[in-house]
C-alpha cells in the first residue's frame, strides 16, 4: 500500500489522539515542525518525509501501547499532525 492517504486511513489510533492531531493542523508549519521532529536534518521531500514520519509514528505508537516512560502524548500528536499533513501534500500532488 504505497498511497499515503490510504495508508493513513488504515491507521488504528485512539480517537482522542487523532482529533488532537487534526486540531493541531491549524498551527502546523511544515518547516518548523519537521525540524523539531527530525532534529539535525533538513526537511525532506514530501514523499520521503511521509515514509520517515510513518516509521517514527509506528515506533511512537509501540511506546504508547507498551506504556514506556519515554512516551510523550504531545510528541505523538505532533507526529500524527505531520503525518496527516504529508499525506495531504502527496494527495494534492497526485490530483493536480
Foldseek 3Di string as FASTA:
>chain_A
DLQLVVVLVPDDDDPVLLVLLVVCLVVDDQQVLVCVLVPPDGRDDLSVNLVVLVVVLVVLVVCVVVVDPPRDSVSNSSSSNNNVVSSVVSVVVVVD
